[in-house]
Amino acid sequence: MKWVHALACMAISATFLGSGHVAAQTPVKFALDWKFEGPSAPYFVALDKGYYKAEGLDVTIDTGPGSVAGIGRVAAGTYPLGFFDINSLFKFRDQNPDKDVKAVMMIYDRPPFSIVSLGKNNVKKPQDLEGKTLGAPAPDGAFAQWKSFVKENKIDAGKVKIENVGFPVREPMLAKGDVQAITGFSFSSFFNLIQNGIKPEDISVMLMSDHGLVLYGNAIMVNPDFAKANPKIIEGFVRATTKGLIDTIKDPETAIKSVMKRNDTADERIELARLKMAIRDNMATDWVKANGVGDVDMARLAKSIDQVADTFDFKTKPKAEDVFVRTYLPPADQRKLQ
């Protein structure tokens, strides 16, 4: 009677798959842009609360090399899903037209791209960068927007010395005075400077989104071959991540515990503050409060592509729908912040 049991299992499996879920415990690798820090909480919350497991997913979450460089990992299929900068995806797709990587869920409705300085350096507006040395890691997502920021704010770029610095030495160099400003994610550089002995009141954070850039930030991206073969897995991943994101926004104090379980060398007080800054400035914006998490305004996304095109020579400028698809998002009522 073993064949009867096997047929019964196959029938149950087919019913399960047909209901919009994926087979039990399918392994899925997901790449973050950076380290296990406060803003990575939504994914670990989804993991710890069993949201991925409920979708039949055995999710592995790994650190990443930055919000720009990691896109290649998704394109190559090393990671079927990853969390990286959508503006850099515009450029990546143009340079690699055979790699149809798409964003499927927006996390940072406003990007954390920023220019960070110290009060003593007197960088209060974009033009104050003229005559200064700007420390900028080449793979940095914020530095990737530098040309657009320069154009939008009429900065004389020839008067700004750009020094290519590594991520680990970026904030220490600013703290020591080797550079007068740096590019970085606001919630990274601000708290890294505090850890380098700088008082919060002495730190100046200039968000690029407050100075003319309409860009979005990091989004969940998917490998095209994986997407074609496994649409239900993507739907399940996005649905579970949506729940984790909403829970994180509602209760960051609890959410940060899921990060700390994976990073026992971090300072929980700092990581919680970092997460709260990301929620306030990037995740739970007014638009997200009105429309729910995960989606984009396609007209704004199109404008952001135009803004990138001002300083990047596209061979074929993408349309908004080429880059972002909302096919995998849960219904709007399931994405609302309560």
C-alpha atoms as a PDB file:
ATOM      1  CA  MET A   1       0.000   0.000   0.000  1.00  0.00           C
ATOM      2  CA  LYS A   2       3.062   2.278  -0.105  1.00  0.00           C
ATOM      3  CA  TRP A   3       2.027   3.555  -3.529  1.00  0.00           C
ATOM      4  CA  VAL A   4      -1.348   4.592  -2.112  1.00  0.00           C
ATOM      5  CA  HIS A   5       0.407   6.582   0.607  1.00  0.00           C
ATOM      6  CA  ALA A   6       2.694   8.164  -1.980  1.00  0.00           C
ATOM      7  CA  LEU A   7      -0.238   9.185  -4.178  1.00  0.00           C
ATOM      8  CA  ALA A   8      -2.005  10.660  -1.185  1.00  0.00           C
ATOM      9  CA  CYS A   9       1.072  12.697  -0.290  1.00  0.00           C
ATOM     10  CA  MET A  10       1.338  13.909  -3.879  1.00  0.00           C
ATOM     11  CA  ALA A  11      -2.298  14.984  -3.820  1.00  0.00           C
ATOM     12  CA  ILE A  12      -1.810  16.859  -0.548  1.00  0.00           C
ATOM     13  CA  SER A  13       1.304  18.503  -1.953  1.00  0.00           C
ATOM     14  CA  ALA A  14      -0.506  19.567  -5.112  1.00  0.00           C
ATOM     15  CA  THR A  15      -3.316  21.061  -3.055  1.00  0.00           C
ATOM     16  CA  PHE A  16      -0.798  22.876  -0.884  1.00  0.00           C
ATOM     17  CA  LEU A  17       1.007  24.311  -3.886  1.00  0.00           C
ATOM     18  CA  GLY A  18      -2.212  25.252  -5.609  1.00  0.00           C
ATOM     19  CA  SER A  19      -3.342  27.263  -2.598  1.00  0.00           C
ATOM     20  CA  GLY A  20      -0.589  29.811  -3.201  1.00  0.00           C
ATOM     21  CA  HIS A  21       2.026  28.363  -0.834  1.00  0.00           C
ATOM     22  CA  VAL A  22       5.285  26.608  -1.542  1.00  0.00           C
ATOM     23  CA  ALA A  23       6.450  23.140  -0.632  1.00  0.00           C
ATOM     24  CA  ALA A  24       7.474  22.685   2.997  1.00  0.00           C
ATOM     25  CA  GLN A  25      10.870  24.053   3.976  1.00  0.00           C
ATOM     26  CA  THR A  26      12.322  25.038   0.626  1.00  0.00           C
ATOM     27  CA  PRO A  27      15.857  26.412   1.203  1.00  0.00           C
ATOM     28  CA  VAL A  28      16.230  30.070   0.217  1.00  0.00           C
ATOM     29  CA  LYS A  29      19.385  32.179   0.511  1.00  0.00           C
ATOM     30  CA  PHE A  30      18.925  35.907   1.097  1.00  0.00           C
ATOM     31  CA  ALA A  31      21.732  38.487   1.023  1.00  0.00           C
ATOM     32  CA  LEU A  32      21.656  41.681   3.040  1.00  0.00           C
ATOM     33  CA  ASP A  33      23.484  44.775   1.870  1.00  0.00           C
ATOM     34  CA  TRP A  34      25.615  45.041   4.970  1.00  0.00           C
ATOM     35  CA  LYS A  35      26.122  43.716   8.505  1.00  0.00           C
ATOM     36  CA  PHE A  36      23.597  42.407  11.011  1.00  0.00           C
ATOM     37  CA  GLU A  37      22.622  45.807  12.393  1.00  0.00           C
ATOM     38  CA  GLY A  38      19.399  47.438  13.577  1.00  0.00           C
ATOM     39  CA  PRO A  39      17.836  48.072  10.134  1.00  0.00           C
ATOM     40  CA  SER A  40      18.114  44.368   9.266  1.00  0.00           C
ATOM     41  CA  ALA A  41      15.554  43.544  11.974  1.00  0.00           C
ATOM     42  CA  PRO A  42      12.520  42.897   9.699  1.00  0.00           C
ATOM     43  CA  TYR A  43      14.071  39.770   8.192  1.00  0.00           C
ATOM     44  CA  PHE A  44      15.179  38.321  11.510  1.00  0.00           C
ATOM     45  CA  VAL A  45      11.779  39.078  13.027  1.00  0.00           C
ATOM     46  CA  ALA A  46      10.166  37.179  10.150  1.00  0.00           C
ATOM     47  CA  LEU A  47      12.590  34.334  10.814  1.00  0.00           C
ATOM     48  CA  ASP A  48      12.085  34.211  14.586  1.00  0.00           C
ATOM     49  CA  LYS A  49       8.299  34.554  14.427  1.00  0.00           C
ATOM     50  CA  GLY A  50       8.054  31.716  11.949  1.00  0.00           C
ATOM     51  CA  TYR A  51       6.674  33.819   9.101  1.00  0.00           C
ATOM     52  CA  TYR A  52       9.085  32.322   6.569  1.00  0.00           C
ATOM     53  CA  LYS A  53       8.518  28.830   7.933  1.00  0.00           C
ATOM     54  CA  ALA A  54       4.745  29.287   7.594  1.00  0.00           C
ATOM     55  CA  GLU A  55       5.354  29.928   3.895  1.00  0.00           C
ATOM     56  CA  GLY A  56       7.368  26.726   3.664  1.00  0.00           C
ATOM     57  CA  LEU A  57      10.692  28.532   3.438  1.00  0.00           C
ATOM     58  CA  ASP A  58      13.961  27.675   5.167  1.00  0.00           C
ATOM     59  CA  VAL A  59      15.599  31.097   4.831  1.00  0.00           C
ATOM     60  CA  THR A  60      19.314  31.700   5.343  1.00  0.00           C
ATOM     61  CA  ILE A  61      20.295  35.358   5.801  1.00  0.00           C
ATOM     62  CA  ASP A  62      23.865  36.459   5.073  1.00  0.00           C
ATOM     63  CA  THR A  63      25.734  39.748   5.357  1.00  0.00           C
ATOM     64  CA  GLY A  64      26.632  41.673   2.205  1.00  0.00           C
ATOM     65  CA  PRO A  65      29.397  43.787   0.635  1.00  0.00           C
ATOM     66  CA  GLY A  66      27.410  47.025   0.323  1.00  0.00           C
ATOM     67  CA  SER A  67      24.209  48.151  -1.342  1.00  0.00           C
ATOM     68  CA  VAL A  68      25.820  48.433  -4.793  1.00  0.00           C
ATOM     69  CA  ALA A  69      28.254  45.530  -5.148  1.00  0.00           C
ATOM     70  CA  GLY A  70      25.783  42.927  -3.931  1.00  0.00           C
ATOM     71  CA  ILE A  71      23.522  43.256  -6.990  1.00  0.00           C
ATOM     72  CA  GLY A  72      25.955  41.094  -8.930  1.00  0.00           C
ATOM     73  CA  ARG A  73      25.402  38.283  -6.439  1.00  0.00           C
ATOM     74  CA  VAL A  74      21.704  38.238  -7.267  1.00  0.00           C
ATOM     75  CA  ALA A  75      22.352  38.506 -11.006  1.00  0.00           C
ATOM     76  CA  ALA A  76      24.761  35.567 -10.851  1.00  0.00           C
ATOM     77  CA  GLY A  77      22.300  33.469  -8.871  1.00  0.00           C
ATOM     78  CA  THR A  78      24.657  33.136  -5.906  1.00  0.00           C
ATOM     79  CA  TYR A  79      21.706  34.534  -3.966  1.00  0.00           C
ATOM     80  CA  PRO A  80      18.240  34.273  -5.526  1.00  0.00           C
ATOM     81  CA  LEU A  81      17.090  37.196  -3.384  1.00  0.00           C
ATOM     82  CA  GLY A  82      18.941  40.209  -2.030  1.00  0.00           C
ATOM     83  CA  PHE A  83      18.509  43.653  -0.496  1.00  0.00           C
ATOM     84  CA  PHE A  84      20.257  46.396  -2.446  1.00  0.00           C
ATOM     85  CA  ASP A  85      20.024  49.923  -3.880  1.00  0.00           C
ATOM     86  CA  ILE A  86      17.436  50.297  -6.632  1.00  0.00           C
ATOM     87  CA  ASN A  87      19.228  53.301  -8.173  1.00  0.00           C
ATOM     88  CA  SER A  88      22.321  51.185  -8.680  1.00  0.00           C
ATOM     89  CA  LEU A  89      20.065  48.530 -10.204  1.00  0.00           C
ATOM     90  CA  PHE A  90      19.131  51.028 -12.962  1.00  0.00           C
ATOM     91  CA  LYS A  91      22.795  51.263 -13.906  1.00  0.00           C
ATOM     92  CA  PHE A  92      23.555  47.569 -13.429  1.00  0.00           C
ATOM     93  CA  ARG A  93      20.768  46.549 -15.806  1.00  0.00           C
ATOM     94  CA  ASP A  94      21.988  48.999 -18.427  1.00  0.00           C
ATOM     95  CA  GLN A  95      25.521  47.651 -18.190  1.00  0.00           C
ATOM     96  CA  ASN A  96      24.298  44.032 -18.109  1.00  0.00           C
ATOM     97  CA  PRO A  97      21.254  43.947 -20.410  1.00  0.00           C
ATOM     98  CA  ASP A  98      21.125  40.151 -20.298  1.00  0.00           C
ATOM     99  CA  LYS A  99      20.569  40.233 -16.501  1.00  0.00           C
ATOM    100  CA  ASP A 100      16.890  41.027 -15.931  1.00  0.00           C
ATOM    101  CA  VAL A 101      17.174  41.555 -12.165  1.00  0.00           C
ATOM    102  CA  LYS A 102      14.062  43.248 -10.787  1.00  0.00           C
ATOM    103  CA  ALA A 103      13.026  44.796  -7.493  1.00  0.00           C
ATOM    104  CA  VAL A 104       9.912  43.208  -5.985  1.00  0.00           C
ATOM    105  CA  MET A 105       9.496  45.001  -2.635  1.00  0.00           C
ATOM    106  CA  MET A 106      10.593  48.490  -1.583  1.00  0.00           C
ATOM    107  CA  ILE A 107      11.946  48.759   1.960  1.00  0.00           C
ATOM    108  CA  TYR A 108      13.485  52.258   2.077  1.00  0.00           C
ATOM    109  CA  ASP A 109      10.817  54.597   0.710  1.00  0.00           C
ATOM    110  CA  ARG A 110      13.278  57.411   1.359  1.00  0.00           C
ATOM    111  CA  PRO A 111      16.938  56.472   0.966  1.00  0.00           C
ATOM    112  CA  PRO A 112      19.418  56.936   3.820  1.00  0.00           C
ATOM    113  CA  PHE A 113      21.941  58.483   1.401  1.00  0.00           C
ATOM    114  CA  SER A 114      23.645  61.306   3.257  1.00  0.00           C
ATOM    115  CA  ILE A 115      26.604  63.618   3.600  1.00  0.00           C
ATOM    116  CA  VAL A 116      27.879  63.408   7.166  1.00  0.00           C
ATOM    117  CA  SER A 117      30.231  65.892   8.771  1.00  0.00           C
ATOM    118  CA  LEU A 118      31.157  67.381  12.130  1.00  0.00           C
ATOM    119  CA  GLY A 119      29.895  70.728  13.370  1.00  0.00           C
ATOM    120  CA  LYS A 120      33.387  72.192  13.469  1.00  0.00           C
ATOM    121  CA  ASN A 121      33.757  71.617   9.707  1.00  0.00           C
ATOM    122  CA  ASN A 122      30.861  73.987   9.003  1.00  0.00           C
ATOM    123  CA  VAL A 123      29.101  71.870   6.358  1.00  0.00           C
ATOM    124  CA  LYS A 124      25.545  73.134   6.740  1.00  0.00           C
ATOM    125  CA  LYS A 125      24.411  73.121   3.117  1.00  0.00           C
ATOM    126  CA  PRO A 126      25.543  71.275  -0.035  1.00  0.00           C
ATOM    127  CA  GLN A 127      27.662  74.152  -1.351  1.00  0.00           C
ATOM    128  CA  ASP A 128      29.690  74.128   1.872  1.00  0.00           C
ATOM    129  CA  LEU A 129      31.405  70.986   0.581  1.00  0.00           C
ATOM    130  CA  GLU A 130      33.386  73.126  -1.851  1.00  0.00           C
ATOM    131  CA  GLY A 131      36.962  73.403  -0.641  1.00  0.00           C
ATOM    132  CA  LYS A 132      36.585  70.268   1.499  1.00  0.00           C
ATOM    133  CA  THR A 133      37.840  66.700   1.226  1.00  0.00           C
ATOM    134  CA  LEU A 134      35.025  64.149   0.977  1.00  0.00           C
ATOM    135  CA  GLY A 135      35.751  60.592   2.095  1.00  0.00           C
ATOM    136  CA  ALA A 136      33.734  58.160  -0.021  1.00  0.00           C
ATOM    137  CA  PRO A 137      34.039  54.375  -0.400  1.00  0.00           C
ATOM    138  CA  ALA A 138      33.768  53.503  -4.100  1.00  0.00           C
ATOM    139  CA  PRO A 139      31.063  50.808  -3.517  1.00  0.00           C
ATOM    140  CA  ASP A 140      28.996  53.063  -1.236  1.00  0.00           C
ATOM    141  CA  GLY A 141      25.330  53.460  -2.189  1.00  0.00           C
ATOM    142  CA  ALA A 142      25.325  57.093  -1.078  1.00  0.00           C
ATOM    143  CA  PHE A 143      28.421  57.960  -3.102  1.00  0.00           C
ATOM    144  CA  ALA A 144      26.758  56.368  -6.133  1.00  0.00           C
ATOM    145  CA  GLN A 145      24.341  59.324  -6.059  1.00  0.00           C
ATOM    146  CA  TRP A 146      27.063  61.978  -5.750  1.00  0.00           C
ATOM    147  CA  LYS A 147      26.854  63.239  -9.344  1.00  0.00           C
ATOM    148  CA  SER A 148      23.073  63.654  -9.109  1.00  0.00           C
ATOM    149  CA  PHE A 149      23.470  65.441  -5.773  1.00  0.00           C
ATOM    150  CA  VAL A 150      26.111  67.768  -7.290  1.00  0.00           C
ATOM    151  CA  LYS A 151      23.927  68.610 -10.280  1.00  0.00           C
ATOM    152  CA  GLU A 152      20.751  69.138  -8.256  1.00  0.00           C
ATOM    153  CA  ASN A 153      22.489  71.487  -5.810  1.00  0.00           C
ATOM    154  CA  LYS A 154      24.795  73.294  -8.274  1.00  0.00           C
ATOM    155  CA  ILE A 155      27.950  72.264  -6.427  1.00  0.00           C
ATOM    156  CA  ASP A 156      31.260  73.002  -8.178  1.00  0.00           C
ATOM    157  CA  ALA A 157      32.533  69.411  -8.103  1.00  0.00           C
ATOM    158  CA  GLY A 158      35.993  70.568  -9.140  1.00  0.00           C
ATOM    159  CA  LYS A 159      36.316  72.253  -5.749  1.00  0.00           C
ATOM    160  CA  VAL A 160      35.562  69.044  -3.814  1.00  0.00           C
ATOM    161  CA  LYS A 161      38.420  66.586  -3.364  1.00  0.00           C
ATOM    162  CA  ILE A 162      37.139  63.008  -3.387  1.00  0.00           C
ATOM    163  CA  GLU A 163      39.178  60.511  -1.396  1.00  0.00           C
ATOM    164  CA  ASN A 164      38.378  56.828  -1.931  1.00  0.00           C
ATOM    165  CA  VAL A 165      38.327  55.329   1.559  1.00  0.00           C
ATOM    166  CA  GLY A 166      37.440  51.893   2.881  1.00  0.00           C
ATOM    167  CA  PHE A 167      34.242  51.337   4.844  1.00  0.00           C
ATOM    168  CA  PRO A 168      36.088  50.436   8.085  1.00  0.00           C
ATOM    169  CA  VAL A 169      38.148  53.668   8.128  1.00  0.00           C
ATOM    170  CA  ARG A 170      35.501  56.082   6.802  1.00  0.00           C
ATOM    171  CA  GLU A 171      34.136  57.360  10.145  1.00  0.00           C
ATOM    172  CA  PRO A 172      37.493  57.165  11.963  1.00  0.00           C
ATOM    173  CA  MET A 173      39.034  59.381   9.268  1.00  0.00           C
ATOM    174  CA  LEU A 174      36.268  61.945   9.719  1.00  0.00           C
ATOM    175  CA  ALA A 175      36.628  61.792  13.489  1.00  0.00           C
ATOM    176  CA  LYS A 176      40.400  62.379  13.225  1.00  0.00           C
ATOM    177  CA  GLY A 177      40.039  65.210  10.709  1.00  0.00           C
ATOM    178  CA  ASP A 178      41.656  63.416   7.766  1.00  0.00           C
ATOM    179  CA  VAL A 179      38.525  64.265   5.747  1.00  0.00           C
ATOM    180  CA  GLN A 180      35.942  66.976   6.415  1.00  0.00           C
ATOM    181  CA  ALA A 181      32.857  65.038   5.303  1.00  0.00           C
ATOM    182  CA  ILE A 182      31.880  61.540   4.201  1.00  0.00           C
ATOM    183  CA  THR A 183      29.167  59.879   2.167  1.00  0.00           C
ATOM    184  CA  GLY A 184      27.231  57.124   3.885  1.00  0.00           C
ATOM    185  CA  PHE A 185      23.928  55.786   5.049  1.00  0.00           C
ATOM    186  CA  SER A 186      22.683  58.182   7.724  1.00  0.00           C
ATOM    187  CA  PHE A 187      21.939  55.497  10.301  1.00  0.00           C
ATOM    188  CA  SER A 188      25.324  53.868   9.750  1.00  0.00           C
ATOM    189  CA  SER A 189      27.671  56.842   9.805  1.00  0.00           C
ATOM    190  CA  PHE A 190      25.897  58.692  12.628  1.00  0.00           C
ATOM    191  CA  PHE A 191      26.196  55.834  15.104  1.00  0.00           C
ATOM    192  CA  ASN A 192      29.614  54.740  13.869  1.00  0.00           C
ATOM    193  CA  LEU A 193      30.849  58.236  14.734  1.00  0.00           C
ATOM    194  CA  ILE A 194      29.364  57.961  18.213  1.00  0.00           C
ATOM    195  CA  GLN A 195      31.270  54.707  18.613  1.00  0.00           C
ATOM    196  CA  ASN A 196      34.376  56.652  17.589  1.00  0.00           C
ATOM    197  CA  GLY A 197      33.915  59.024  20.503  1.00  0.00           C
ATOM    198  CA  ILE A 198      32.044  61.856  18.765  1.00  0.00           C
ATOM    199  CA  LYS A 199      29.150  63.447  20.681  1.00  0.00           C
ATOM    200  CA  PRO A 200      25.755  63.278  18.904  1.00  0.00           C
ATOM    201  CA  GLU A 201      25.369  67.064  19.036  1.00  0.00           C
ATOM    202  CA  ASP A 202      28.663  67.450  17.130  1.00  0.00           C
ATOM    203  CA  ILE A 203      27.479  65.328  14.170  1.00  0.00           C
ATOM    204  CA  SER A 204      25.830  66.879  11.126  1.00  0.00           C
ATOM    205  CA  VAL A 205      23.723  64.632   8.848  1.00  0.00           C
ATOM    206  CA  MET A 206      22.556  66.037   5.511  1.00  0.00           C
ATOM    207  CA  LEU A 207      20.038  63.693   3.886  1.00  0.00           C
ATOM    208  CA  MET A 208      20.234  63.858   0.105  1.00  0.00           C
ATOM    209  CA  SER A 209      16.454  63.404  -0.048  1.00  0.00           C
ATOM    210  CA  ASP A 210      16.111  66.742   1.770  1.00  0.00           C
ATOM    211  CA  HIS A 211      18.185  68.390  -0.958  1.00  0.00           C
ATOM    212  CA  GLY A 212      16.513  67.633  -4.251  1.00  0.00           C
ATOM    213  CA  LEU A 213      16.853  63.885  -4.762  1.00  0.00           C
ATOM    214  CA  VAL A 214      13.522  62.075  -5.310  1.00  0.00           C
ATOM    215  CA  LEU A 215      15.215  58.682  -5.305  1.00  0.00           C
ATOM    216  CA  TYR A 216      14.063  55.527  -3.580  1.00  0.00           C
ATOM    217  CA  GLY A 217      16.491  53.433  -1.543  1.00  0.00           C
ATOM    218  CA  ASN A 218      17.098  49.749  -0.968  1.00  0.00           C
ATOM    219  CA  ALA A 219      14.644  47.145  -2.193  1.00  0.00           C
ATOM    220  CA  ILE A 220      14.376  43.369  -2.286  1.00  0.00           C
ATOM    221  CA  MET A 221      15.615  42.100  -5.651  1.00  0.00           C
ATOM    222  CA  VAL A 222      15.269  38.737  -7.341  1.00  0.00           C
ATOM    223  CA  ASN A 223      17.276  36.697  -9.824  1.00  0.00           C
ATOM    224  CA  PRO A 224      15.292  36.463 -13.091  1.00  0.00           C
ATOM    225  CA  ASP A 225      15.732  32.722 -13.629  1.00  0.00           C
ATOM    226  CA  PHE A 226      14.737  32.008 -10.057  1.00  0.00           C
ATOM    227  CA  ALA A 227      11.713  34.287 -10.387  1.00  0.00           C
ATOM    228  CA  LYS A 228      10.537  32.516 -13.518  1.00  0.00           C
ATOM    229  CA  ALA A 229      10.877  29.069 -11.953  1.00  0.00           C
ATOM    230  CA  ASN A 230       9.689  29.907  -8.434  1.00  0.00           C
ATOM    231  CA  PRO A 231       7.039  32.656  -8.348  1.00  0.00           C
ATOM    232  CA  LYS A 232       5.307  31.127  -5.321  1.00  0.00           C
ATOM    233  CA  ILE A 233       8.542  31.164  -3.344  1.00  0.00           C
ATOM    234  CA  ILE A 234       8.975  34.869  -4.055  1.00  0.00           C
ATOM    235  CA  GLU A 235       5.362  35.567  -3.091  1.00  0.00           C
ATOM    236  CA  GLY A 236       5.848  33.685   0.162  1.00  0.00           C
ATOM    237  CA  PHE A 237       9.117  35.451   0.936  1.00  0.00           C
ATOM    238  CA  VAL A 238       7.619  38.879   0.271  1.00  0.00           C
ATOM    239  CA  ARG A 239       4.488  38.079   2.276  1.00  0.00           C
ATOM    240  CA  ALA A 240       6.544  36.923   5.277  1.00  0.00           C
ATOM    241  CA  THR A 241       8.918  39.897   5.010  1.00  0.00           C
ATOM    242  CA  THR A 242       5.925  42.261   4.904  1.00  0.00           C
ATOM    243  CA  LYS A 243       4.775  40.878   8.250  1.00  0.00           C
ATOM    244  CA  GLY A 244       8.280  41.180   9.692  1.00  0.00           C
ATOM    245  CA  LEU A 245       8.590  44.768   8.488  1.00  0.00           C
ATOM    246  CA  ILE A 246       5.232  45.806   9.943  1.00  0.00           C
ATOM    247  CA  ASP A 247       6.040  44.131  13.268  1.00  0.00           C
ATOM    248  CA  THR A 248       9.422  45.878  13.367  1.00  0.00           C
ATOM    249  CA  ILE A 249       7.895  49.297  12.743  1.00  0.00           C
ATOM    250  CA  LYS A 250       5.242  48.711  15.421  1.00  0.00           C
ATOM    251  CA  ASP A 251       7.627  47.395  18.074  1.00  0.00           C
ATOM    252  CA  PRO A 252      11.321  48.112  17.441  1.00  0.00           C
ATOM    253  CA  GLU A 253      12.230  47.388  21.078  1.00  0.00           C
ATOM    254  CA  THR A 254      11.220  43.761  20.617  1.00  0.00           C
ATOM    255  CA  ALA A 255      12.449  43.532  17.029  1.00  0.00           C
ATOM    256  CA  ILE A 256      15.999  44.505  17.941  1.00  0.00           C
ATOM    257  CA  LYS A 257      16.286  41.363  20.077  1.00  0.00           C
ATOM    258  CA  SER A 258      16.206  39.302  16.875  1.00  0.00           C
ATOM    259  CA  VAL A 259      19.233  41.205  15.559  1.00  0.00           C
ATOM    260  CA  MET A 260      21.166  40.948  18.800  1.00  0.00           C
ATOM    261  CA  LYS A 261      20.805  37.164  18.773  1.00  0.00           C
ATOM    262  CA  ARG A 262      22.938  37.173  15.623  1.00  0.00           C
ATOM    263  CA  ASN A 263      25.396  39.908  16.614  1.00  0.00           C
ATOM    264  CA  ASP A 264      26.525  39.502  20.191  1.00  0.00           C
ATOM    265  CA  THR A 265      29.341  42.054  19.799  1.00  0.00           C
ATOM    266  CA  ALA A 266      26.943  44.901  18.983  1.00  0.00           C
ATOM    267  CA  ASP A 267      25.653  47.465  21.472  1.00  0.00           C
ATOM    268  CA  GLU A 268      21.894  46.926  21.778  1.00  0.00           C
ATOM    269  CA  ARG A 269      21.280  50.538  22.802  1.00  0.00           C
ATOM    270  CA  ILE A 270      23.004  51.822  19.664  1.00  0.00           C
ATOM    271  CA  GLU A 271      21.395  49.246  17.367  1.00  0.00           C
ATOM    272  CA  LEU A 272      17.938  50.109  18.690  1.00  0.00           C
ATOM    273  CA  ALA A 273      18.572  53.813  18.095  1.00  0.00           C
ATOM    274  CA  ARG A 274      19.906  52.998  14.621  1.00  0.00           C
ATOM    275  CA  LEU A 275      16.766  51.002  13.853  1.00  0.00           C
ATOM    276  CA  LYS A 276      14.482  53.768  15.115  1.00  0.00           C
ATOM    277  CA  MET A 277      16.263  56.293  12.894  1.00  0.00           C
ATOM    278  CA  ALA A 278      15.805  54.018   9.879  1.00  0.00           C
ATOM    279  CA  ILE A 279      12.115  53.537  10.686  1.00  0.00           C
ATOM    280  CA  ARG A 280      11.557  57.287  11.089  1.00  0.00           C
ATOM    281  CA  ASP A 281      13.492  58.472   8.040  1.00  0.00           C
ATOM    282  CA  ASN A 282      13.360  55.566   5.604  1.00  0.00           C
ATOM    283  CA  MET A 283      10.790  52.859   6.333  1.00  0.00           C
ATOM    284  CA  ALA A 284       7.681  54.491   7.829  1.00  0.00           C
ATOM    285  CA  THR A 285       7.441  57.673   5.785  1.00  0.00           C
ATOM    286  CA  ASP A 286       4.225  59.627   5.306  1.00  0.00           C
ATOM    287  CA  TRP A 287       3.716  57.916   1.946  1.00  0.00           C
ATOM    288  CA  VAL A 288       4.122  54.468   3.503  1.00  0.00           C
ATOM    289  CA  LYS A 289       1.716  55.361   6.312  1.00  0.00           C
ATOM    290  CA  ALA A 290      -0.871  56.311   3.706  1.00  0.00           C
ATOM    291  CA  ASN A 291      -0.263  53.504   1.197  1.00  0.00           C
ATOM    292  CA  GLY A 292       1.304  50.606   3.068  1.00  0.00           C
ATOM    293  CA  VAL A 293       4.767  49.047   2.999  1.00  0.00           C
ATOM    294  CA  GLY A 294       6.494  47.481   0.041  1.00  0.00           C
ATOM    295  CA  ASP A 295       5.080  49.368  -2.946  1.00  0.00           C
ATOM    296  CA  VAL A 296       6.264  52.416  -4.907  1.00  0.00           C
ATOM    297  CA  ASP A 297       4.694  55.375  -6.662  1.00  0.00           C
ATOM    298  CA  MET A 298       5.523  54.497 -10.280  1.00  0.00           C
ATOM    299  CA  ALA A 299       5.461  58.152 -11.354  1.00  0.00           C
ATOM    300  CA  ARG A 300       8.029  59.017  -8.680  1.00  0.00           C
ATOM    301  CA  LEU A 301      10.116  55.982  -9.643  1.00  0.00           C
ATOM    302  CA  ALA A 302      10.095  57.195 -13.253  1.00  0.00           C
ATOM    303  CA  LYS A 303      11.257  60.644 -12.069  1.00  0.00           C
ATOM    304  CA  SER A 304      14.055  59.007 -10.079  1.00  0.00           C
ATOM    305  CA  ILE A 305      15.240  57.227 -13.235  1.00  0.00           C
ATOM    306  CA  ASP A 306      15.225  60.590 -15.030  1.00  0.00           C
ATOM    307  CA  GLN A 307      17.269  62.066 -12.190  1.00  0.00           C
ATOM    308  CA  VAL A 308      19.855  59.297 -12.410  1.00  0.00           C
ATOM    309  CA  ALA A 309      19.919  59.780 -16.197  1.00  0.00           C
ATOM    310  CA  ASP A 310      21.007  63.388 -15.666  1.00  0.00           C
ATOM    311  CA  THR A 311      24.438  62.148 -14.695  1.00  0.00           C
ATOM    312  CA  PHE A 312      24.550  58.583 -16.076  1.00  0.00           C
ATOM    313  CA  ASP A 313      24.676  57.919 -19.810  1.00  0.00           C
ATOM    314  CA  PHE A 314      22.181  55.092 -20.239  1.00  0.00           C
ATOM    315  CA  LYS A 315      22.486  53.039 -23.408  1.00  0.00           C
ATOM    316  CA  THR A 316      18.783  52.292 -22.991  1.00  0.00           C
ATOM    317  CA  LYS A 317      17.047  54.209 -20.220  1.00  0.00           C
ATOM    318  CA  PRO A 318      14.765  51.814 -18.310  1.00  0.00           C
ATOM    319  CA  LYS A 319      11.099  52.374 -17.655  1.00  0.00           C
ATOM    320  CA  ALA A 320       9.840  52.136 -14.091  1.00  0.00           C
ATOM    321  CA  GLU A 321       8.039  48.859 -14.852  1.00  0.00           C
ATOM    322  CA  ASP A 322      11.291  47.364 -16.184  1.00  0.00           C
ATOM    323  CA  VAL A 323      12.865  47.719 -12.766  1.00  0.00           C
ATOM    324  CA  PHE A 324      10.077  47.254 -10.213  1.00  0.00           C
ATOM    325  CA  VAL A 325       7.229  44.731 -10.339  1.00  0.00           C
ATOM    326  CA  ARG A 326       4.466  44.624  -7.725  1.00  0.00           C
ATOM    327  CA  THR A 327       3.258  41.187  -8.837  1.00  0.00           C
ATOM    328  CA  TYR A 328       4.531  39.488  -5.708  1.00  0.00           C
ATOM    329  CA  LEU A 329       3.199  41.979  -3.145  1.00  0.00           C
ATOM    330  CA  PRO A 330       0.329  41.005  -0.835  1.00  0.00           C
ATOM    331  CA  PRO A 331      -2.948  42.976  -1.218  1.00  0.00           C
ATOM    332  CA  ALA A 332      -2.797  46.582   0.018  1.00  0.00           C
ATOM    333  CA  ASP A 333      -4.896  45.878   3.134  1.00  0.00           C
ATOM    334  CA  GLN A 334      -2.246  43.378   4.286  1.00  0.00           C
ATOM    335  CA  ARG A 335       0.518  45.951   3.915  1.00  0.00           C
ATOM    336  CA  LYS A 336      -1.029  48.760   5.942  1.00  0.00           C
ATOM    337  CA  LEU A 337       0.587  50.039   9.122  1.00  0.00           C
ATOM    338  CA  GLN A 338      -1.918  49.801  11.956  1.00  0.00           C
END
